[in-house]
Amino acid sequence: MPKTRGGSLEAQNAQLKKTLAERLLDVATLKEMLGNNFRSPVQGGDLWTAARQGIA
């Protein structure tokens, strides 16, 4: 039996929610691992600017 459009959207939504939860957990884990040991190489903490300038 083919999936209905609503069922397909529900399955896709569930997969996206799972992926988001995994990424949020990854971010939380990295923040926990880095703790206070992480310091931006640029005064003021703008890591993205540092990366664009080739500093980070």
PDB file of N, CA and C in Angstrom:
ATOM      1  N   MET A   1       0.837  -1.172   0.000  1.00  0.00           N
ATOM      2  CA  MET A   1       0.000   0.000   0.000  1.00  0.00           C
ATOM      3  C   MET A   1       0.887   1.243   0.000  1.00  0.00           C
ATOM      4  N   PRO A   2       0.688   2.172  -0.955  1.00  0.00           N
ATOM      5  CA  PRO A   2       1.515   3.378  -1.028  1.00  0.00           C
ATOM      6  C   PRO A   2       1.226   4.309   0.149  1.00  0.00           C
ATOM      7  N   LYS A   3       2.264   5.039   0.539  1.00  0.00           N
ATOM      8  CA  LYS A   3       2.097   6.012   1.613  1.00  0.00           C
ATOM      9  C   LYS A   3       1.274   7.190   1.123  1.00  0.00           C
ATOM     10  N   THR A   4       0.476   7.714   2.013  1.00  0.00           N
ATOM     11  CA  THR A   4      -0.262   8.918   1.668  1.00  0.00           C
ATOM     12  C   THR A   4       0.678  10.106   1.785  1.00  0.00           C
ATOM     13  N   ARG A   5       0.266  11.199   1.208  1.00  0.00           N
ATOM     14  CA  ARG A   5       1.106  12.392   1.266  1.00  0.00           C
ATOM     15  C   ARG A   5       1.344  12.813   2.713  1.00  0.00           C
ATOM     16  N   GLY A   6       0.288  12.758   3.523  1.00  0.00           N
ATOM     17  CA  GLY A   6       0.419  13.115   4.923  1.00  0.00           C
ATOM     18  C   GLY A   6       1.356  12.184   5.660  1.00  0.00           C
ATOM     19  N   GLY A   7       1.270  10.893   5.371  1.00  0.00           N
ATOM     20  CA  GLY A   7       2.150   9.920   6.006  1.00  0.00           C
ATOM     21  C   GLY A   7       3.592  10.142   5.622  1.00  0.00           C
ATOM     22  N   SER A   8       3.812  10.496   4.361  1.00  0.00           N
ATOM     23  CA  SER A   8       5.162  10.765   3.890  1.00  0.00           C
ATOM     24  C   SER A   8       5.738  12.001   4.569  1.00  0.00           C
ATOM     25  N   LEU A   9       4.915  13.016   4.704  1.00  0.00           N
ATOM     26  CA  LEU A   9       5.372  14.238   5.365  1.00  0.00           C
ATOM     27  C   LEU A   9       5.645  13.982   6.840  1.00  0.00           C
ATOM     28  N   GLU A  10       4.819  13.164   7.460  1.00  0.00           N
ATOM     29  CA  GLU A  10       5.038  12.828   8.867  1.00  0.00           C
ATOM     30  C   GLU A  10       6.349  12.069   9.043  1.00  0.00           C
ATOM     31  N   ALA A  11       6.640  11.154   8.136  1.00  0.00           N
ATOM     32  CA  ALA A  11       7.890  10.396   8.211  1.00  0.00           C
ATOM     33  C   ALA A  11       9.088  11.313   8.002  1.00  0.00           C
ATOM     34  N   GLN A  12       8.984  12.210   7.053  1.00  0.00           N
ATOM     35  CA  GLN A  12      10.070  13.155   6.798  1.00  0.00           C
ATOM     36  C   GLN A  12      10.256  14.074   8.000  1.00  0.00           C
ATOM     37  N   ASN A  13       9.159  14.540   8.582  1.00  0.00           N
ATOM     38  CA  ASN A  13       9.233  15.406   9.753  1.00  0.00           C
ATOM     39  C   ASN A  13       9.895  14.677  10.917  1.00  0.00           C
ATOM     40  N   ALA A  14       9.544  13.416  11.121  1.00  0.00           N
ATOM     41  CA  ALA A  14      10.146  12.630  12.196  1.00  0.00           C
ATOM     42  C   ALA A  14      11.650  12.483  11.978  1.00  0.00           C
ATOM     43  N   GLN A  15      12.056  12.250  10.733  1.00  0.00           N
ATOM     44  CA  GLN A  15      13.480  12.107  10.428  1.00  0.00           C
ATOM     45  C   GLN A  15      14.222  13.419  10.666  1.00  0.00           C
ATOM     46  N   LEU A  16      13.621  14.528  10.272  1.00  0.00           N
ATOM     47  CA  LEU A  16      14.246  15.835  10.488  1.00  0.00           C
ATOM     48  C   LEU A  16      14.370  16.147  11.972  1.00  0.00           C
ATOM     49  N   LYS A  17      13.355  15.805  12.745  1.00  0.00           N
ATOM     50  CA  LYS A  17      13.417  16.023  14.192  1.00  0.00           C
ATOM     51  C   LYS A  17      14.526  15.187  14.817  1.00  0.00           C
ATOM     52  N   LYS A  18      14.669  13.942  14.356  1.00  0.00           N
ATOM     53  CA  LYS A  18      15.721  13.068  14.872  1.00  0.00           C
ATOM     54  C   LYS A  18      17.092  13.638  14.531  1.00  0.00           C
ATOM     55  N   THR A  19      17.265  14.089  13.294  1.00  0.00           N
ATOM     56  CA  THR A  19      18.539  14.666  12.861  1.00  0.00           C
ATOM     57  C   THR A  19      18.865  15.918  13.665  1.00  0.00           C
ATOM     58  N   LEU A  20      17.868  16.766  13.883  1.00  0.00           N
ATOM     59  CA  LEU A  20      18.082  17.977  14.671  1.00  0.00           C
ATOM     60  C   LEU A  20      18.500  17.629  16.097  1.00  0.00           C
ATOM     61  N   ALA A  21      17.825  16.658  16.703  1.00  0.00           N
ATOM     62  CA  ALA A  21      18.166  16.257  18.063  1.00  0.00           C
ATOM     63  C   ALA A  21      19.598  15.731  18.136  1.00  0.00           C
ATOM     64  N   GLU A  22      20.015  14.968  17.126  1.00  0.00           N
ATOM     65  CA  GLU A  22      21.389  14.447  17.099  1.00  0.00           C
ATOM     66  C   GLU A  22      22.396  15.585  16.991  1.00  0.00           C
ATOM     67  N   ARG A  23      22.103  16.578  16.149  1.00  0.00           N
ATOM     68  CA  ARG A  23      23.031  17.702  15.986  1.00  0.00           C
ATOM     69  C   ARG A  23      23.112  18.540  17.262  1.00  0.00           C
ATOM     70  N   LEU A  24      21.972  18.749  17.913  1.00  0.00           N
ATOM     71  CA  LEU A  24      21.973  19.495  19.164  1.00  0.00           C
ATOM     72  C   LEU A  24      22.777  18.767  20.226  1.00  0.00           C
ATOM     73  N   LEU A  25      22.683  17.450  20.235  1.00  0.00           N
ATOM     74  CA  LEU A  25      23.477  16.664  21.170  1.00  0.00           C
ATOM     75  C   LEU A  25      24.960  16.779  20.835  1.00  0.00           C
ATOM     76  N   ASP A  26      25.291  16.757  19.546  1.00  0.00           N
ATOM     77  CA  ASP A  26      26.689  16.929  19.128  1.00  0.00           C
ATOM     78  C   ASP A  26      27.233  18.268  19.621  1.00  0.00           C
ATOM     79  N   VAL A  27      26.457  19.331  19.450  1.00  0.00           N
ATOM     80  CA  VAL A  27      26.893  20.660  19.872  1.00  0.00           C
ATOM     81  C   VAL A  27      27.073  20.703  21.384  1.00  0.00           C
ATOM     82  N   ALA A  28      26.109  20.148  22.115  1.00  0.00           N
ATOM     83  CA  ALA A  28      26.202  20.141  23.578  1.00  0.00           C
ATOM     84  C   ALA A  28      27.429  19.358  24.036  1.00  0.00           C
ATOM     85  N   THR A  29      27.703  18.239  23.379  1.00  0.00           N
ATOM     86  CA  THR A  29      28.861  17.418  23.725  1.00  0.00           C
ATOM     87  C   THR A  29      30.154  18.174  23.468  1.00  0.00           C
ATOM     88  N   LEU A  30      30.249  18.833  22.317  1.00  0.00           N
ATOM     89  CA  LEU A  30      31.457  19.603  22.002  1.00  0.00           C
ATOM     90  C   LEU A  30      31.659  20.747  22.991  1.00  0.00           C
ATOM     91  N   LYS A  31      30.584  21.429  23.346  1.00  0.00           N
ATOM     92  CA  LYS A  31      30.704  22.512  24.318  1.00  0.00           C
ATOM     93  C   LYS A  31      31.185  21.975  25.656  1.00  0.00           C
ATOM     94  N   GLU A  32      30.666  20.825  26.047  1.00  0.00           N
ATOM     95  CA  GLU A  32      31.084  20.210  27.313  1.00  0.00           C
ATOM     96  C   GLU A  32      32.557  19.812  27.250  1.00  0.00           C
ATOM     97  N   MET A  33      32.980  19.253  26.117  1.00  0.00           N
ATOM     98  CA  MET A  33      34.369  18.824  25.968  1.00  0.00           C
ATOM     99  C   MET A  33      35.321  20.019  25.976  1.00  0.00           C
ATOM    100  N   LEU A  34      34.916  21.097  25.325  1.00  0.00           N
ATOM    101  CA  LEU A  34      35.782  22.269  25.245  1.00  0.00           C
ATOM    102  C   LEU A  34      35.815  23.033  26.558  1.00  0.00           C
ATOM    103  N   GLY A  35      34.684  23.066  27.239  1.00  0.00           N
ATOM    104  CA  GLY A  35      34.607  23.765  28.511  1.00  0.00           C
ATOM    105  C   GLY A  35      35.152  25.167  28.406  1.00  0.00           C
ATOM    106  N   ASN A  36      35.963  25.547  29.357  1.00  0.00           N
ATOM    107  CA  ASN A  36      36.567  26.879  29.355  1.00  0.00           C
ATOM    108  C   ASN A  36      37.941  26.871  28.702  1.00  0.00           C
ATOM    109  N   ASN A  37      38.310  25.762  28.072  1.00  0.00           N
ATOM    110  CA  ASN A  37      39.627  25.668  27.445  1.00  0.00           C
ATOM    111  C   ASN A  37      39.682  26.337  26.086  1.00  0.00           C
ATOM    112  N   PHE A  38      38.526  26.682  25.539  1.00  0.00           N
ATOM    113  CA  PHE A  38      38.482  27.270  24.204  1.00  0.00           C
ATOM    114  C   PHE A  38      38.566  28.779  24.289  1.00  0.00           C
ATOM    115  N   ARG A  39      39.477  29.357  23.565  1.00  0.00           N
ATOM    116  CA  ARG A  39      39.599  30.809  23.478  1.00  0.00           C
ATOM    117  C   ARG A  39      39.727  31.171  21.996  1.00  0.00           C
ATOM    118  N   SER A  40      38.999  32.166  21.601  1.00  0.00           N
ATOM    119  CA  SER A  40      39.076  32.628  20.231  1.00  0.00           C
ATOM    120  C   SER A  40      40.431  33.291  19.992  1.00  0.00           C
ATOM    121  N   PRO A  41      41.035  33.098  18.817  1.00  0.00           N
ATOM    122  CA  PRO A  41      42.332  33.708  18.527  1.00  0.00           C
ATOM    123  C   PRO A  41      42.234  35.212  18.294  1.00  0.00           C
ATOM    124  N   VAL A  42      41.030  35.732  18.204  1.00  0.00           N
ATOM    125  CA  VAL A  42      40.841  37.152  17.949  1.00  0.00           C
ATOM    126  C   VAL A  42      40.233  37.792  19.188  1.00  0.00           C
ATOM    127  N   GLN A  43      40.807  38.894  19.627  1.00  0.00           N
ATOM    128  CA  GLN A  43      40.240  39.583  20.776  1.00  0.00           C
ATOM    129  C   GLN A  43      38.813  39.994  20.444  1.00  0.00           C
ATOM    130  N   GLY A  44      37.911  39.749  21.355  1.00  0.00           N
ATOM    131  CA  GLY A  44      36.510  40.025  21.104  1.00  0.00           C
ATOM    132  C   GLY A  44      35.761  38.753  20.746  1.00  0.00           C
ATOM    133  N   GLY A  45      36.465  37.697  20.447  1.00  0.00           N
ATOM    134  CA  GLY A  45      35.843  36.403  20.254  1.00  0.00           C
ATOM    135  C   GLY A  45      35.167  36.170  18.923  1.00  0.00           C
ATOM    136  N   ASP A  46      35.492  36.921  17.902  1.00  0.00           N
ATOM    137  CA  ASP A  46      34.846  36.728  16.605  1.00  0.00           C
ATOM    138  C   ASP A  46      35.605  35.681  15.800  1.00  0.00           C
ATOM    139  N   LEU A  47      35.272  34.422  16.053  1.00  0.00           N
ATOM    140  CA  LEU A  47      35.980  33.308  15.419  1.00  0.00           C
ATOM    141  C   LEU A  47      35.734  33.264  13.919  1.00  0.00           C
ATOM    142  N   TRP A  48      34.531  33.646  13.468  1.00  0.00           N
ATOM    143  CA  TRP A  48      34.242  33.600  12.040  1.00  0.00           C
ATOM    144  C   TRP A  48      35.113  34.578  11.267  1.00  0.00           C
ATOM    145  N   THR A  49      35.331  35.761  11.812  1.00  0.00           N
ATOM    146  CA  THR A  49      36.222  36.726  11.180  1.00  0.00           C
ATOM    147  C   THR A  49      37.639  36.176  11.137  1.00  0.00           C
ATOM    148  N   ALA A  50      38.052  35.555  12.242  1.00  0.00           N
ATOM    149  CA  ALA A  50      39.393  34.967  12.302  1.00  0.00           C
ATOM    150  C   ALA A  50      39.552  33.893  11.245  1.00  0.00           C
ATOM    151  N   ALA A  51      38.534  33.078  11.053  1.00  0.00           N
ATOM    152  CA  ALA A  51      38.610  32.010  10.055  1.00  0.00           C
ATOM    153  C   ALA A  51      38.724  32.595   8.652  1.00  0.00           C
ATOM    154  N   ARG A  52      37.974  33.648   8.378  1.00  0.00           N
ATOM    155  CA  ARG A  52      38.040  34.269   7.060  1.00  0.00           C
ATOM    156  C   ARG A  52      39.414  34.901   6.818  1.00  0.00           C
ATOM    157  N   GLN A  53      40.038  35.373   7.873  1.00  0.00           N
ATOM    158  CA  GLN A  53      41.342  36.009   7.725  1.00  0.00           C
ATOM    159  C   GLN A  53      42.478  34.992   7.778  1.00  0.00           C
ATOM    160  N   GLY A  54      42.145  33.732   7.988  1.00  0.00           N
ATOM    161  CA  GLY A  54      43.157  32.697   8.022  1.00  0.00           C
ATOM    162  C   GLY A  54      43.893  32.589   9.339  1.00  0.00           C
ATOM    163  N   ILE A  55      43.350  33.178  10.394  1.00  0.00           N
ATOM    164  CA  ILE A  55      44.004  33.128  11.706  1.00  0.00           C
ATOM    165  C   ILE A  55      43.639  31.853  12.446  1.00  0.00           C
ATOM    166  N   ALA A  56      42.370  31.446  12.331  1.00  0.00           N
ATOM    167  CA  ALA A  56      41.891  30.292  13.104  1.00  0.00           C
ATOM    168  C   ALA A  56      42.162  29.003  12.361  1.00  0.00           C
TER     169      ALA A  56
END
